C-alpha atoms as a PDB file:
ATOM      1  CA  MET A   1      20.203  54.959 -43.279  1.00  0.00           C
ATOM      2  CA  PRO A   2      16.508  54.354 -42.388  1.00  0.00           C
ATOM      3  CA  ALA A   3      15.644  53.130 -45.833  1.00  0.00           C
ATOM      4  CA  PHE A   4      18.592  50.862 -45.819  1.00  0.00           C
ATOM      5  CA  ILE A   5      17.173  49.278 -42.619  1.00  0.00           C
ATOM      6  CA  ILE A   6      13.637  49.037 -43.800  1.00  0.00           C
ATOM      7  CA  ARG A   7      15.118  47.281 -46.912  1.00  0.00           C
ATOM      8  CA  THR A   8      17.101  44.906 -44.948  1.00  0.00           C
ATOM      9  CA  PHE A   9      14.044  44.021 -42.855  1.00  0.00           C
ATOM     10  CA  ILE A  10      11.770  43.439 -46.173  1.00  0.00           C
ATOM     11  CA  VAL A  11      14.580  41.248 -47.778  1.00  0.00           C
ATOM     12  CA  TYR A  12      15.198  39.315 -44.796  1.00  0.00           C
ATOM     13  CA  PHE A  13      11.564  38.296 -44.242  1.00  0.00           C
ATOM     14  CA  VAL A  14      11.005  37.718 -48.003  1.00  0.00           C
ATOM     15  CA  VAL A  15      13.845  35.006 -48.002  1.00  0.00           C
ATOM     16  CA  ILE A  16      12.811  33.426 -44.900  1.00  0.00           C
ATOM     17  CA  ILE A  17       9.356  33.030 -46.190  1.00  0.00           C
ATOM     18  CA  SER A  18      10.511  31.853 -49.563  1.00  0.00           C
ATOM     19  CA  VAL A  19      12.870  29.126 -47.921  1.00  0.00           C
ATOM     20  CA  ARG A  20      10.008  27.965 -45.639  1.00  0.00           C
ATOM     21  CA  PHE A  21       7.971  27.687 -48.944  1.00  0.00           C
ATOM     22  CA  MET A  22      10.235  25.586 -50.595  1.00  0.00           C
ATOM     23  CA  GLY A  23      10.560  23.148 -47.717  1.00  0.00           C
ATOM     24  CA  LYS A  24      12.995  21.984 -44.959  1.00  0.00           C
ATOM     25  CA  ARG A  25      16.519  20.707 -45.903  1.00  0.00           C
ATOM     26  CA  GLN A  26      19.930  21.249 -44.543  1.00  0.00           C
ATOM     27  CA  ILE A  27      22.745  22.815 -46.594  1.00  0.00           C
ATOM     28  CA  GLY A  28      24.403  19.531 -46.943  1.00  0.00           C
ATOM     29  CA  GLU A  29      21.234  17.783 -48.161  1.00  0.00           C
ATOM     30  CA  LEU A  30      20.639  19.973 -51.155  1.00  0.00           C
ATOM     31  CA  GLN A  31      20.168  18.565 -54.456  1.00  0.00           C
ATOM     32  CA  PRO A  32      22.167  20.344 -57.204  1.00  0.00           C
ATOM     33  CA  ALA A  33      19.065  22.041 -58.444  1.00  0.00           C
ATOM     34  CA  GLU A  34      18.284  23.296 -55.061  1.00  0.00           C
ATOM     35  CA  LEU A  35      21.735  24.682 -54.441  1.00  0.00           C
ATOM     36  CA  VAL A  36      21.785  26.466 -57.712  1.00  0.00           C
ATOM     37  CA  ILE A  37      18.540  28.074 -56.505  1.00  0.00           C
ATOM     38  CA  THR A  38      19.816  29.009 -53.302  1.00  0.00           C
ATOM     39  CA  ILE A  39      22.901  30.685 -54.594  1.00  0.00           C
ATOM     40  CA  LEU A  40      20.840  32.672 -57.110  1.00  0.00           C
ATOM     41  CA  MET A  41      18.209  33.649 -54.437  1.00  0.00           C
ATOM     42  CA  SER A  42      21.302  34.937 -52.304  1.00  0.00           C
ATOM     43  CA  GLU A  43      22.731  36.872 -54.937  1.00  0.00           C
ATOM     44  CA  ILE A  44      19.220  38.672 -55.874  1.00  0.00           C
ATOM     45  CA  ALA A  45      18.410  39.309 -52.330  1.00  0.00           C
ATOM     46  CA  SER A  46      21.853  41.206 -51.991  1.00  0.00           C
ATOM     47  CA  MET A  47      21.234  43.601 -54.782  1.00  0.00           C
ATOM     48  CA  PRO A  48      18.750  46.075 -53.204  1.00  0.00           C
ATOM     49  CA  LEU A  49      21.124  45.996 -50.200  1.00  0.00           C
ATOM     50  CA  GLN A  50      24.353  46.901 -52.123  1.00  0.00           C
ATOM     51  CA  ASP A  51      22.639  49.300 -54.712  1.00  0.00           C
ATOM     52  CA  GLY A  52      20.341  51.726 -53.369  1.00  0.00           C
ATOM     53  CA  ASP A  53      19.045  52.556 -56.801  1.00  0.00           C
ATOM     54  CA  CYS A  54      18.018  48.814 -57.383  1.00  0.00           C
ATOM     55  CA  ALA A  55      14.219  48.547 -57.257  1.00  0.00           C
ATOM     56  CA  LEU A  56      13.423  46.512 -54.069  1.00  0.00           C
ATOM     57  CA  LEU A  57      10.027  45.262 -55.848  1.00  0.00           C
ATOM     58  CA  THR A  58      12.343  43.671 -58.667  1.00  0.00           C
ATOM     59  CA  SER A  59      14.484  41.932 -56.238  1.00  0.00           C
ATOM     60  CA  ILE A  60      11.309  40.536 -54.356  1.00  0.00           C
ATOM     61  CA  VAL A  61       9.763  39.200 -57.640  1.00  0.00           C
ATOM     62  CA  GLY A  62      13.046  37.616 -58.551  1.00  0.00           C
ATOM     63  CA  ILE A  63      13.063  35.655 -55.167  1.00  0.00           C
ATOM     64  CA  LEU A  64       9.482  34.770 -55.206  1.00  0.00           C
ATOM     65  CA  LEU A  65      10.033  33.576 -58.822  1.00  0.00           C
ATOM     66  CA  LEU A  66      12.857  31.338 -57.984  1.00  0.00           C
ATOM     67  CA  ALA A  67      11.046  29.880 -54.996  1.00  0.00           C
ATOM     68  CA  SER A  68       7.940  29.026 -57.051  1.00  0.00           C
ATOM     69  CA  LEU A  69      10.296  27.363 -59.989  1.00  0.00           C
ATOM     70  CA  GLU A  70      11.854  25.083 -57.125  1.00  0.00           C
ATOM     71  CA  VAL A  71       8.441  24.275 -55.800  1.00  0.00           C
ATOM     72  CA  LEU A  72       7.128  23.552 -59.507  1.00  0.00           C
ATOM     73  CA  PHE A  73      10.445  21.362 -60.326  1.00  0.00           C
ATOM     74  CA  SER A  74       9.594  19.325 -57.241  1.00  0.00           C
ATOM     75  CA  CYS A  75       6.301  18.733 -58.023  1.00  0.00           C
ATOM     76  CA  LEU A  76       7.276  17.501 -61.572  1.00  0.00           C
ATOM     77  CA  ALA A  77      10.122  15.422 -59.853  1.00  0.00           C
ATOM     78  CA  LEU A  78       7.506  13.536 -57.812  1.00  0.00           C
ATOM     79  CA  LYS A  79       5.433  13.056 -60.798  1.00  0.00           C
ATOM     80  CA  SER A  80       7.935  12.120 -63.400  1.00  0.00           C
ATOM     81  CA  GLY A  81      10.896   9.677 -62.715  1.00  0.00           C
ATOM     82  CA  ARG A  82      12.666  10.816 -65.922  1.00  0.00           C
ATOM     83  CA  PHE A  83      12.326  14.557 -64.974  1.00  0.00           C
ATOM     84  CA  ARG A  84      13.691  13.492 -61.316  1.00  0.00           C
ATOM     85  CA  THR A  85      16.854  11.605 -62.802  1.00  0.00           C
ATOM     86  CA  LEU A  86      17.482  14.831 -64.968  1.00  0.00           C
ATOM     87  CA  PHE A  87      17.576  17.378 -62.455  1.00  0.00           C
ATOM     88  CA  GLN A  88      18.459  15.165 -59.331  1.00  0.00           C
ATOM     89  CA  GLY A  89      20.534  12.397 -60.658  1.00  0.00           C
ATOM     90  CA  HIS A  90      20.381   9.037 -59.055  1.00  0.00           C
ATOM     91  CA  SER A  91      22.357   7.218 -56.273  1.00  0.00           C
ATOM     92  CA  VAL A  92      25.393   5.498 -57.730  1.00  0.00           C
ATOM     93  CA  LEU A  93      26.542   2.077 -56.388  1.00  0.00           C
ATOM     94  CA  ILE A  94      30.442   2.184 -55.506  1.00  0.00           C
ATOM     95  CA  ILE A  95      30.798  -0.773 -53.377  1.00  0.00           C
ATOM     96  CA  GLU A  96      29.172  -3.984 -53.962  1.00  0.00           C
ATOM     97  CA  LYS A  97      29.867  -7.237 -51.844  1.00  0.00           C
ATOM     98  CA  GLY A  98      32.904  -5.617 -50.463  1.00  0.00           C
ATOM     99  CA  LYS A  99      34.283  -4.730 -53.998  1.00  0.00           C
ATOM    100  CA  LEU A 100      35.053  -1.272 -55.277  1.00  0.00           C
ATOM    101  CA  LYS A 101      32.871  -0.318 -58.419  1.00  0.00           C
ATOM    102  CA  GLN A 102      35.734   1.488 -60.139  1.00  0.00           C
ATOM    103  CA  GLU A 103      34.020   2.266 -63.351  1.00  0.00           C
ATOM    104  CA  ASN A 104      31.100   3.938 -61.304  1.00  0.00           C
ATOM    105  CA  MET A 105      33.517   5.964 -59.297  1.00  0.00           C
ATOM    106  CA  LYS A 106      35.203   7.160 -62.460  1.00  0.00           C
ATOM    107  CA  LEU A 107      31.757   8.068 -63.708  1.00  0.00           C
ATOM    108  CA  ILE A 108      31.044  10.348 -60.982  1.00  0.00           C
ATOM    109  CA  ARG A 109      34.765  11.489 -60.438  1.00  0.00           C
ATOM    110  CA  TYR A 110      34.850  10.058 -57.099  1.00  0.00           C
ATOM    111  CA  SER A 111      38.411   9.437 -55.893  1.00  0.00           C
ATOM    112  CA  THR A 112      39.515   6.855 -53.334  1.00  0.00           C
ATOM    113  CA  ASP A 113      40.565   9.687 -51.073  1.00  0.00           C
ATOM    114  CA  ASP A 114      36.921  10.866 -51.162  1.00  0.00           C
ATOM    115  CA  LEU A 115      35.466   7.436 -50.444  1.00  0.00           C
ATOM    116  CA  LEU A 116      37.932   7.023 -47.688  1.00  0.00           C
ATOM    117  CA  GLN A 117      37.090  10.375 -46.062  1.00  0.00           C
ATOM    118  CA  MET A 118      33.530   9.658 -46.191  1.00  0.00           C
ATOM    119  CA  LEU A 119      33.790   6.304 -44.628  1.00  0.00           C
ATOM    120  CA  ARG A 120      35.895   7.848 -41.877  1.00  0.00           C
ATOM    121  CA  GLN A 121      33.207  10.076 -41.036  1.00  0.00           C
ATOM    122  CA  LYS A 122      31.067   7.275 -40.333  1.00  0.00           C
ATOM    123  CA  ASP A 123      33.622   5.765 -38.094  1.00  0.00           C
ATOM    124  CA  ILE A 124      34.603   3.162 -40.655  1.00  0.00           C
ATOM    125  CA  PHE A 125      38.191   3.079 -41.117  1.00  0.00           C
ATOM    126  CA  ASN A 126      38.413  -0.322 -42.886  1.00  0.00           C
ATOM    127  CA  LEU A 127      37.353  -0.686 -46.348  1.00  0.00           C
ATOM    128  CA  GLU A 128      36.970  -4.490 -45.947  1.00  0.00           C
ATOM    129  CA  ASP A 129      34.045  -4.001 -43.322  1.00  0.00           C
ATOM    130  CA  VAL A 130      31.795  -2.527 -46.218  1.00  0.00           C
ATOM    131  CA  ALA A 131      29.392  -4.632 -47.730  1.00  0.00           C
ATOM    132  CA  TYR A 132      27.563  -2.183 -49.965  1.00  0.00           C
ATOM    133  CA  ALA A 133      27.963   1.738 -50.273  1.00  0.00           C
ATOM    134  CA  TYR A 134      25.983   4.228 -52.355  1.00  0.00           C
ATOM    135  CA  VAL A 135      26.968   7.720 -53.171  1.00  0.00           C
ATOM    136  CA  GLU A 136      23.600   9.570 -52.881  1.00  0.00           C
ATOM    137  CA  THR A 137      22.500  12.480 -55.065  1.00  0.00           C
ATOM    138  CA  ASN A 138      23.453  15.068 -52.508  1.00  0.00           C
ATOM    139  CA  GLY A 139      26.839  13.777 -52.339  1.00  0.00           C
ATOM    140  CA  ALA A 140      26.499  11.850 -49.224  1.00  0.00           C
ATOM    141  CA  VAL A 141      27.654   8.198 -48.871  1.00  0.00           C
ATOM    142  CA  SER A 142      25.241   5.536 -47.486  1.00  0.00           C
ATOM    143  CA  VAL A 143      27.044   2.326 -46.262  1.00  0.00           C
ATOM    144  CA  MET A 144      25.765  -1.263 -45.329  1.00  0.00           C
ATOM    145  CA  LEU A 145      28.323  -3.184 -43.132  1.00  0.00           C
ATOM    146  CA  LYS A 146      28.823  -6.725 -43.668  1.00  0.00           C
ATOM    147  CA  SER A 147      26.453  -8.993 -41.555  1.00  0.00           C
ATOM    148  CA  ASP A 148      28.965 -10.106 -38.979  1.00  0.00           C
ATOM    149  CA  LEU A 149      30.073  -6.477 -38.095  1.00  0.00           C
ATOM    150  CA  THR A 150      26.312  -5.145 -37.556  1.00  0.00           C
ATOM    151  CA  THR A 151      25.103  -4.812 -34.049  1.00  0.00           C
ATOM    152  CA  VAL A 152      23.010  -7.619 -32.555  1.00  0.00           C
ATOM    153  CA  THR A 153      19.384  -6.604 -32.097  1.00  0.00           C
ATOM    154  CA  ALA A 154      16.522  -7.762 -29.903  1.00  0.00           C
ATOM    155  CA  LYS A 155      15.224  -9.679 -32.914  1.00  0.00           C
ATOM    156  CA  ASP A 156      18.253 -11.451 -33.422  1.00  0.00           C
ATOM    157  CA  LEU A 157      18.166 -12.742 -29.796  1.00  0.00           C
ATOM    158  CA  GLY A 158      14.703 -13.612 -30.099  1.00  0.00           C
ATOM    159  CA  ILE A 159      13.638 -11.287 -27.625  1.00  0.00           C
ATOM    160  CA  LYS A 160      10.318  -9.464 -27.938  1.00  0.00           C
ATOM    161  CA  LYS A 161      10.289  -5.854 -26.825  1.00  0.00           C
ATOM    162  CA  GLU A 162       7.453  -3.302 -26.649  1.00  0.00           C
ATOM    163  CA  GLU A 163       7.043  -0.812 -29.465  1.00  0.00           C
ATOM    164  CA  ALA A 164       8.849   2.377 -28.274  1.00  0.00           C
ATOM    165  CA  ALA A 165       6.489   5.183 -27.794  1.00  0.00           C
ATOM    166  CA  LEU A 166       7.425   8.776 -28.954  1.00  0.00           C
ATOM    167  CA  PRO A 167       7.749  11.468 -26.395  1.00  0.00           C
ATOM    168  CA  CYS A 168       5.923  14.407 -27.546  1.00  0.00           C
ATOM    169  CA  LEU A 169       6.637  18.232 -26.305  1.00  0.00           C
ATOM    170  CA  VAL A 170       3.413  19.279 -24.252  1.00  0.00           C
ATOM    171  CA  VAL A 171       4.791  22.148 -22.295  1.00  0.00           C
ATOM    172  CA  SER A 172       7.394  24.784 -23.625  1.00  0.00           C
ATOM    173  CA  ASP A 173       8.693  27.494 -21.094  1.00  0.00           C
ATOM    174  CA  GLY A 174       5.438  27.462 -19.004  1.00  0.00           C
ATOM    175  CA  LYS A 175       3.021  27.292 -22.263  1.00  0.00           C
ATOM    176  CA  ILE A 176       0.969  24.391 -23.316  1.00  0.00           C
ATOM    177  CA  VAL A 177       1.724  22.995 -26.620  1.00  0.00           C
ATOM    178  CA  GLU A 178      -1.231  21.133 -28.176  1.00  0.00           C
ATOM    179  CA  ARG A 179       0.262  20.391 -31.622  1.00  0.00           C
ATOM    180  CA  GLU A 180       1.242  16.855 -30.867  1.00  0.00           C
ATOM    181  CA  PHE A 181      -1.566  16.026 -28.339  1.00  0.00           C
ATOM    182  CA  ASP A 182      -2.724  13.363 -30.451  1.00  0.00           C
ATOM    183  CA  LEU A 183       0.485  11.547 -30.612  1.00  0.00           C
ATOM    184  CA  CYS A 184       0.691  11.188 -27.169  1.00  0.00           C
ATOM    185  CA  LYS A 185      -2.957  10.813 -26.391  1.00  0.00           C
ATOM    186  CA  MET A 186      -2.930  13.844 -24.215  1.00  0.00           C
ATOM    187  CA  ASN A 187      -5.299  16.750 -23.657  1.00  0.00           C
ATOM    188  CA  LYS A 188      -5.367  20.118 -21.689  1.00  0.00           C
ATOM    189  CA  GLN A 189      -7.359  18.736 -18.905  1.00  0.00           C
ATOM    190  CA  LYS A 190      -5.297  15.446 -18.445  1.00  0.00           C
ATOM    191  CA  LEU A 191      -2.168  17.640 -18.610  1.00  0.00           C
ATOM    192  CA  LEU A 192      -3.143  20.098 -15.783  1.00  0.00           C
ATOM    193  CA  GLY A 193      -4.189  16.968 -13.890  1.00  0.00           C
ATOM    194  CA  ILE A 194      -0.712  15.546 -14.190  1.00  0.00           C
ATOM    195  CA  LEU A 195       0.895  18.829 -13.130  1.00  0.00           C
ATOM    196  CA  ASP A 196      -1.668  19.169 -10.144  1.00  0.00           C
ATOM    197  CA  GLU A 197      -0.622  15.544  -8.997  1.00  0.00           C
ATOM    198  CA  LYS A 198       3.100  16.607  -9.127  1.00  0.00           C
ATOM    199  CA  LYS A 199       1.986  19.801  -7.094  1.00  0.00           C
ATOM    200  CA  LEU A 200       3.562  21.920  -9.984  1.00  0.00           C
ATOM    201  CA  LYS A 201       2.376  25.312 -11.534  1.00  0.00           C
ATOM    202  CA  LEU A 202       2.271  25.487 -15.295  1.00  0.00           C
ATOM    203  CA  THR A 203       4.572  28.581 -14.975  1.00  0.00           C
ATOM    204  CA  ASP A 204       7.094  26.553 -13.267  1.00  0.00           C
ATOM    205  CA  VAL A 205       7.688  24.092 -16.084  1.00  0.00           C
ATOM    206  CA  LEU A 206      10.495  24.705 -18.452  1.00  0.00           C
ATOM    207  CA  LEU A 207       9.788  21.542 -20.465  1.00  0.00           C
ATOM    208  CA  MET A 208       7.301  18.690 -20.319  1.00  0.00           C
ATOM    209  CA  THR A 209       7.088  15.630 -22.548  1.00  0.00           C
ATOM    210  CA  ALA A 210       4.634  12.833 -22.599  1.00  0.00           C
ATOM    211  CA  ASP A 211       4.071   9.803 -24.733  1.00  0.00           C
ATOM    212  CA  SER A 212       1.128   7.365 -25.484  1.00  0.00           C
ATOM    213  CA  THR A 213       1.925   4.989 -22.461  1.00  0.00           C
ATOM    214  CA  GLY A 214       1.652   7.810 -19.849  1.00  0.00           C
ATOM    215  CA  LYS A 215       5.341   8.413 -19.228  1.00  0.00           C
ATOM    216  CA  THR A 216       6.181  12.012 -18.470  1.00  0.00           C
ATOM    217  CA  THR A 217       9.410  13.881 -18.104  1.00  0.00           C
ATOM    218  CA  VAL A 218       9.230  17.326 -16.428  1.00  0.00           C
ATOM    219  CA  VAL A 219      12.254  19.760 -16.204  1.00  0.00           C
ATOM    220  CA  LEU A 220      11.430  22.704 -13.939  1.00  0.00           C
ATOM    221  CA  LYS A 221      12.730  26.382 -14.453  1.00  0.00           C
ATOM    222  CA  GLU A 222      15.584  27.325 -12.347  1.00  0.00           C
ATOM    223  CA  SER A 223      14.538  29.743  -9.576  1.00  0.00           C
ATOM    224  CA  LYS A 224      15.484  33.201  -9.860  1.00  0.00           C
ATOM    225  CA  LYS A 225      17.816  34.524  -7.110  1.00  0.00           C
END
């Protein structure tokens, strides 16, 4: 039993490190090659847990090798358009100027039921509202509505607005977070000064954000009874 627990911890950390090494993607955003790598990695990772006679080192090497191949293929895809198309495919136009591209739908074996389902997930229930639609390489559908159905913006009305400032996390659970200080023009001394003006202690703050305009938002910890 202790050996199984140790193996589990080791495999867990190796898989986590390998996935982090490959990059951040949600499961629904995986390219076909990335999905294959993920499935193979899970199978190899489970081998030493299911079979005590399976060498742990063999499993670790297999996982690291798959992660390295994924990174290598990603680098090649960045440098070569042909390689990228071969392994990742390309987006396919299925609606053009409000009309279905039936040949393209047949090419990727995409049914009308699939299309309508994906549109409903984007709160589009009328096919005639769509100007253009693409099926992306991960299977998702990107949609451009007809111009008369799009939301009116400040630019359309001729209104000039100030650029929105990005709120950055500067305090988390009573601890200063410095990684985004440059984005919000913040430093430790300025941060402590703001808290002092508000008569707050750093340990009392659950969350604090700040932006480059000087706007701050503070959420305090609930008092313990």
